[in-house]
Amino acid sequence: MTVLMSHVQHYNHLQISAKRAGLYMIEKMKGKSMKWVKEIVEMEKLTDYTCNLEFETNWKKFMAQKDVFLSKVNIQNSINIEGFGTVDLVNPRKSPHLLPEAYD
């Protein structure tokens, strides 16, 4: 801002406009910077979450039971999924096209 104002110091009629434009640009850059930082923080949260070895181990165990879930959804009213507990199968049965996605 100081550099901008030094360039217009001899032009009084430009000082107000230059100052306003400079402040506008600063606010605009602050907004972009905040958006960028939020994006980085969100990516970091996801990375920490998926790099957690315990999470990956549990996820693999859970996904290994997917075929059992899909095969029993039309036969039983509930199923016990290791690490998750008992799951009611009556409601998911109503939307068979969504079952694989629902399990994920």
N, C-alpha and C. Protein backbone atom coordinates (compact mmCIF):
# COMPACT_ATOMS: atom_id res chain seq x y z
N MET A 1 0.83 -1.18 0.00
CA MET A 1 0.00 0.00 0.00
C MET A 1 0.88 1.26 0.00
N THR A 2 1.98 1.17 0.74
CA THR A 2 2.90 2.31 0.82
C THR A 2 3.49 2.64 -0.55
N VAL A 3 3.86 1.61 -1.29
CA VAL A 3 4.45 1.82 -2.61
C VAL A 3 3.43 2.46 -3.54
N LEU A 4 2.20 1.96 -3.50
CA LEU A 4 1.14 2.52 -4.34
C LEU A 4 0.92 3.99 -4.01
N MET A 5 0.83 4.30 -2.73
CA MET A 5 0.58 5.68 -2.33
C MET A 5 1.77 6.59 -2.67
N SER A 6 2.98 6.04 -2.65
CA SER A 6 4.15 6.88 -3.00
C SER A 6 4.13 7.25 -4.48
N HIS A 7 3.54 6.39 -5.31
CA HIS A 7 3.47 6.69 -6.74
C HIS A 7 2.42 7.75 -7.07
N VAL A 8 1.44 7.92 -6.21
CA VAL A 8 0.38 8.90 -6.49
C VAL A 8 0.42 10.09 -5.53
N GLN A 9 1.49 10.23 -4.78
CA GLN A 9 1.55 11.30 -3.77
C GLN A 9 1.45 12.70 -4.37
N HIS A 10 1.85 12.87 -5.59
CA HIS A 10 1.79 14.19 -6.23
C HIS A 10 0.50 14.39 -7.02
N TYR A 11 -0.36 13.42 -7.00
CA TYR A 11 -1.63 13.50 -7.75
C TYR A 11 -2.79 13.34 -6.75
N ASN A 12 -3.18 14.43 -6.16
CA ASN A 12 -4.21 14.40 -5.11
C ASN A 12 -5.51 13.76 -5.59
N HIS A 13 -5.88 14.01 -6.81
CA HIS A 13 -7.14 13.49 -7.32
C HIS A 13 -7.11 11.95 -7.48
N LEU A 14 -5.91 11.36 -7.53
CA LEU A 14 -5.80 9.90 -7.66
C LEU A 14 -5.62 9.19 -6.32
N GLN A 15 -5.25 9.92 -5.28
CA GLN A 15 -4.93 9.30 -4.00
C GLN A 15 -6.10 8.52 -3.41
N ILE A 16 -7.28 9.11 -3.41
CA ILE A 16 -8.45 8.44 -2.83
C ILE A 16 -8.79 7.17 -3.61
N SER A 17 -8.80 7.29 -4.94
CA SER A 17 -9.11 6.11 -5.77
C SER A 17 -8.06 5.02 -5.62
N ALA A 18 -6.79 5.43 -5.58
CA ALA A 18 -5.71 4.45 -5.45
C ALA A 18 -5.78 3.74 -4.10
N LYS A 19 -6.07 4.51 -3.05
CA LYS A 19 -6.17 3.91 -1.72
C LYS A 19 -7.33 2.93 -1.67
N ARG A 20 -8.47 3.32 -2.22
CA ARG A 20 -9.65 2.45 -2.24
C ARG A 20 -9.36 1.17 -3.03
N ALA A 21 -8.71 1.32 -4.19
CA ALA A 21 -8.37 0.16 -5.03
C ALA A 21 -7.38 -0.76 -4.30
N GLY A 22 -6.42 -0.16 -3.62
CA GLY A 22 -5.45 -0.96 -2.87
C GLY A 22 -6.11 -1.74 -1.75
N LEU A 23 -6.99 -1.09 -0.99
CA LEU A 23 -7.70 -1.78 0.10
C LEU A 23 -8.60 -2.88 -0.44
N TYR A 24 -9.23 -2.61 -1.59
CA TYR A 24 -10.08 -3.63 -2.21
C TYR A 24 -9.26 -4.86 -2.59
N MET A 25 -8.08 -4.63 -3.18
CA MET A 25 -7.21 -5.74 -3.57
C MET A 25 -6.73 -6.53 -2.36
N ILE A 26 -6.42 -5.83 -1.28
CA ILE A 26 -5.99 -6.51 -0.06
C ILE A 26 -7.10 -7.41 0.46
N GLU A 27 -8.33 -6.91 0.51
CA GLU A 27 -9.47 -7.71 0.97
C GLU A 27 -9.71 -8.91 0.06
N LYS A 28 -9.58 -8.69 -1.23
CA LYS A 28 -9.78 -9.77 -2.20
C LYS A 28 -8.73 -10.87 -1.99
N MET A 29 -7.49 -10.48 -1.79
CA MET A 29 -6.41 -11.45 -1.57
C MET A 29 -6.57 -12.17 -0.24
N LYS A 30 -7.08 -11.48 0.78
CA LYS A 30 -7.34 -12.13 2.06
C LYS A 30 -8.39 -13.23 1.89
N GLY A 31 -9.42 -12.93 1.12
CA GLY A 31 -10.47 -13.92 0.85
C GLY A 31 -9.92 -15.14 0.13
N LYS A 32 -9.11 -14.91 -0.89
CA LYS A 32 -8.50 -16.02 -1.62
C LYS A 32 -7.59 -16.84 -0.70
N SER A 33 -6.84 -16.14 0.13
CA SER A 33 -5.93 -16.80 1.05
C SER A 33 -6.69 -17.67 2.05
N MET A 34 -7.79 -17.15 2.57
CA MET A 34 -8.61 -17.92 3.52
C MET A 34 -9.17 -19.17 2.85
N LYS A 35 -9.65 -19.03 1.63
CA LYS A 35 -10.19 -20.17 0.89
C LYS A 35 -9.10 -21.22 0.68
N TRP A 36 -7.92 -20.78 0.32
CA TRP A 36 -6.80 -21.69 0.07
C TRP A 36 -6.40 -22.43 1.35
N VAL A 37 -6.34 -21.72 2.47
CA VAL A 37 -5.98 -22.33 3.75
C VAL A 37 -7.05 -23.34 4.16
N LYS A 38 -8.32 -23.01 4.00
CA LYS A 38 -9.39 -23.95 4.34
C LYS A 38 -9.29 -25.22 3.50
N GLU A 39 -8.97 -25.06 2.22
CA GLU A 39 -8.80 -26.21 1.33
C GLU A 39 -7.66 -27.11 1.82
N ILE A 40 -6.56 -26.50 2.19
CA ILE A 40 -5.41 -27.26 2.67
C ILE A 40 -5.75 -27.99 3.96
N VAL A 41 -6.44 -27.32 4.88
CA VAL A 41 -6.82 -27.95 6.14
C VAL A 41 -7.74 -29.14 5.89
N GLU A 42 -8.70 -29.00 5.00
CA GLU A 42 -9.60 -30.11 4.67
C GLU A 42 -8.83 -31.28 4.07
N MET A 43 -7.89 -30.99 3.18
CA MET A 43 -7.08 -32.06 2.59
C MET A 43 -6.25 -32.76 3.66
N GLU A 44 -5.72 -31.99 4.60
CA GLU A 44 -4.92 -32.55 5.68
C GLU A 44 -5.77 -33.46 6.56
N LYS A 45 -7.00 -33.04 6.84
CA LYS A 45 -7.90 -33.87 7.64
C LYS A 45 -8.14 -35.20 6.95
N LEU A 46 -8.41 -35.17 5.66
CA LEU A 46 -8.65 -36.40 4.90
C LEU A 46 -7.41 -37.27 4.85
N THR A 47 -6.26 -36.66 4.67
CA THR A 47 -5.02 -37.42 4.59
C THR A 47 -4.72 -38.10 5.90
N ASP A 48 -4.84 -37.39 7.00
CA ASP A 48 -4.60 -38.00 8.31
C ASP A 48 -5.57 -39.15 8.55
N TYR A 49 -6.80 -38.97 8.12
CA TYR A 49 -7.82 -39.98 8.33
C TYR A 49 -7.51 -41.25 7.56
N THR A 50 -7.15 -41.14 6.31
CA THR A 50 -6.92 -42.31 5.48
C THR A 50 -5.53 -42.90 5.65
N CYS A 51 -4.60 -42.15 6.23
CA CYS A 51 -3.26 -42.70 6.47
C CYS A 51 -3.18 -43.41 7.82
N ASN A 52 -4.25 -43.38 8.57
CA ASN A 52 -4.30 -44.06 9.85
C ASN A 52 -4.35 -45.56 9.59
N LEU A 53 -3.33 -46.29 10.02
CA LEU A 53 -3.26 -47.74 9.76
C LEU A 53 -4.40 -48.50 10.42
N GLU A 54 -4.80 -48.06 11.60
CA GLU A 54 -5.92 -48.73 12.29
C GLU A 54 -7.20 -48.59 11.48
N PHE A 55 -7.42 -47.40 10.92
CA PHE A 55 -8.60 -47.19 10.08
C PHE A 55 -8.57 -48.12 8.88
N GLU A 56 -7.43 -48.21 8.21
CA GLU A 56 -7.33 -49.07 7.03
C GLU A 56 -7.56 -50.53 7.38
N THR A 57 -7.02 -50.98 8.50
CA THR A 57 -7.22 -52.37 8.93
C THR A 57 -8.69 -52.64 9.19
N ASN A 58 -9.34 -51.75 9.93
CA ASN A 58 -10.77 -51.92 10.22
C ASN A 58 -11.61 -51.85 8.96
N TRP A 59 -11.25 -50.96 8.05
CA TRP A 59 -12.00 -50.83 6.79
C TRP A 59 -11.90 -52.10 5.97
N LYS A 60 -10.70 -52.70 5.90
CA LYS A 60 -10.52 -53.94 5.15
C LYS A 60 -11.35 -55.07 5.76
N LYS A 61 -11.38 -55.17 7.09
CA LYS A 61 -12.20 -56.19 7.76
C LYS A 61 -13.67 -55.97 7.44
N PHE A 62 -14.07 -54.72 7.51
CA PHE A 62 -15.47 -54.36 7.24
C PHE A 62 -15.85 -54.69 5.81
N MET A 63 -15.01 -54.32 4.86
CA MET A 63 -15.31 -54.56 3.44
C MET A 63 -15.25 -56.04 3.08
N ALA A 64 -14.50 -56.83 3.85
CA ALA A 64 -14.43 -58.28 3.61
C ALA A 64 -15.78 -58.94 3.88
N GLN A 65 -16.63 -58.28 4.66
CA GLN A 65 -17.94 -58.83 5.00
C GLN A 65 -19.05 -58.35 4.07
N LYS A 66 -18.70 -57.59 3.07
CA LYS A 66 -19.68 -57.01 2.15
C LYS A 66 -20.46 -58.09 1.41
N ASP A 67 -19.76 -59.11 0.90
CA ASP A 67 -20.44 -60.18 0.16
C ASP A 67 -21.43 -60.94 1.04
N VAL A 68 -21.05 -61.16 2.30
CA VAL A 68 -21.97 -61.84 3.24
C VAL A 68 -23.21 -60.98 3.44
N PHE A 69 -23.02 -59.70 3.61
CA PHE A 69 -24.14 -58.77 3.78
C PHE A 69 -25.07 -58.82 2.58
N LEU A 70 -24.50 -58.72 1.38
CA LEU A 70 -25.31 -58.70 0.16
C LEU A 70 -26.04 -60.02 -0.07
N SER A 71 -25.44 -61.13 0.34
CA SER A 71 -26.09 -62.42 0.14
C SER A 71 -27.20 -62.68 1.16
N LYS A 72 -27.09 -62.11 2.34
CA LYS A 72 -28.07 -62.38 3.40
C LYS A 72 -29.16 -61.32 3.51
N VAL A 73 -29.06 -60.25 2.77
CA VAL A 73 -30.02 -59.16 2.90
C VAL A 73 -31.44 -59.61 2.57
N ASN A 74 -31.61 -60.54 1.65
CA ASN A 74 -32.95 -61.02 1.28
C ASN A 74 -33.39 -62.23 2.09
N ILE A 75 -32.49 -62.79 2.89
CA ILE A 75 -32.80 -64.01 3.64
C ILE A 75 -33.11 -63.72 5.11
N GLN A 76 -32.31 -62.87 5.72
CA GLN A 76 -32.44 -62.60 7.15
C GLN A 76 -32.96 -61.19 7.40
N ASN A 77 -33.46 -60.99 8.63
CA ASN A 77 -33.94 -59.66 9.01
C ASN A 77 -32.85 -58.80 9.63
N SER A 78 -31.77 -59.44 10.11
CA SER A 78 -30.65 -58.70 10.68
C SER A 78 -29.38 -59.53 10.51
N ILE A 79 -28.25 -58.84 10.61
CA ILE A 79 -26.95 -59.51 10.48
C ILE A 79 -25.99 -58.83 11.44
N ASN A 80 -25.07 -59.63 12.01
CA ASN A 80 -24.06 -59.07 12.90
C ASN A 80 -22.78 -58.86 12.09
N ILE A 81 -22.38 -57.63 11.95
CA ILE A 81 -21.17 -57.29 11.21
C ILE A 81 -20.08 -56.98 12.23
N GLU A 82 -18.99 -57.74 12.14
CA GLU A 82 -17.89 -57.60 13.09
C GLU A 82 -17.34 -56.18 13.08
N GLY A 83 -17.22 -55.60 14.26
CA GLY A 83 -16.71 -54.24 14.38
C GLY A 83 -17.77 -53.17 14.22
N PHE A 84 -18.98 -53.58 13.85
CA PHE A 84 -20.05 -52.61 13.64
C PHE A 84 -21.27 -52.95 14.48
N GLY A 85 -21.54 -54.24 14.65
CA GLY A 85 -22.68 -54.67 15.45
C GLY A 85 -23.80 -55.22 14.59
N THR A 86 -24.98 -55.33 15.20
CA THR A 86 -26.15 -55.87 14.52
C THR A 86 -26.77 -54.80 13.62
N VAL A 87 -27.05 -55.20 12.38
CA VAL A 87 -27.62 -54.28 11.40
C VAL A 87 -28.96 -54.82 10.94
N ASP A 88 -29.97 -53.96 10.96
CA ASP A 88 -31.31 -54.32 10.48
C ASP A 88 -31.28 -54.38 8.96
N LEU A 89 -31.82 -55.46 8.39
CA LEU A 89 -31.80 -55.64 6.94
C LEU A 89 -33.15 -55.41 6.28
N VAL A 90 -34.17 -55.08 7.06
CA VAL A 90 -35.51 -54.92 6.49
C VAL A 90 -35.57 -53.68 5.60
N ASN A 91 -35.11 -52.54 6.08
CA ASN A 91 -35.17 -51.31 5.27
C ASN A 91 -34.26 -51.34 4.05
N PRO A 92 -33.01 -51.81 4.18
CA PRO A 92 -32.16 -51.86 2.98
C PRO A 92 -32.72 -52.78 1.89
N ARG A 93 -33.47 -53.77 2.28
CA ARG A 93 -34.06 -54.71 1.33
C ARG A 93 -34.99 -54.01 0.35
N LYS A 94 -35.56 -52.89 0.76
CA LYS A 94 -36.53 -52.16 -0.08
C LYS A 94 -35.87 -51.48 -1.28
N SER A 95 -34.56 -51.29 -1.22
CA SER A 95 -33.84 -50.61 -2.31
C SER A 95 -32.63 -51.45 -2.73
N PRO A 96 -32.87 -52.56 -3.42
CA PRO A 96 -31.75 -53.45 -3.76
C PRO A 96 -30.68 -52.81 -4.65
N HIS A 97 -31.07 -51.84 -5.46
CA HIS A 97 -30.09 -51.19 -6.34
C HIS A 97 -29.10 -50.31 -5.57
N LEU A 98 -29.43 -49.98 -4.32
CA LEU A 98 -28.55 -49.13 -3.51
C LEU A 98 -27.73 -49.91 -2.49
N LEU A 99 -27.92 -51.23 -2.42
CA LEU A 99 -27.26 -52.02 -1.38
C LEU A 99 -25.74 -51.92 -1.38
N PRO A 100 -25.06 -52.10 -2.51
CA PRO A 100 -23.59 -51.99 -2.46
C PRO A 100 -23.12 -50.60 -2.00
N GLU A 101 -23.79 -49.59 -2.46
CA GLU A 101 -23.43 -48.22 -2.07
C GLU A 101 -23.76 -47.98 -0.60
N ALA A 102 -24.87 -48.53 -0.14
CA ALA A 102 -25.28 -48.37 1.26
C ALA A 102 -24.27 -49.04 2.19
N TYR A 103 -23.74 -50.16 1.78
CA TYR A 103 -22.76 -50.85 2.63
C TYR A 103 -21.49 -50.02 2.78
N ASP A 104 -21.08 -49.39 1.71
CA ASP A 104 -19.87 -48.54 1.78
C ASP A 104 -20.11 -47.40 2.75
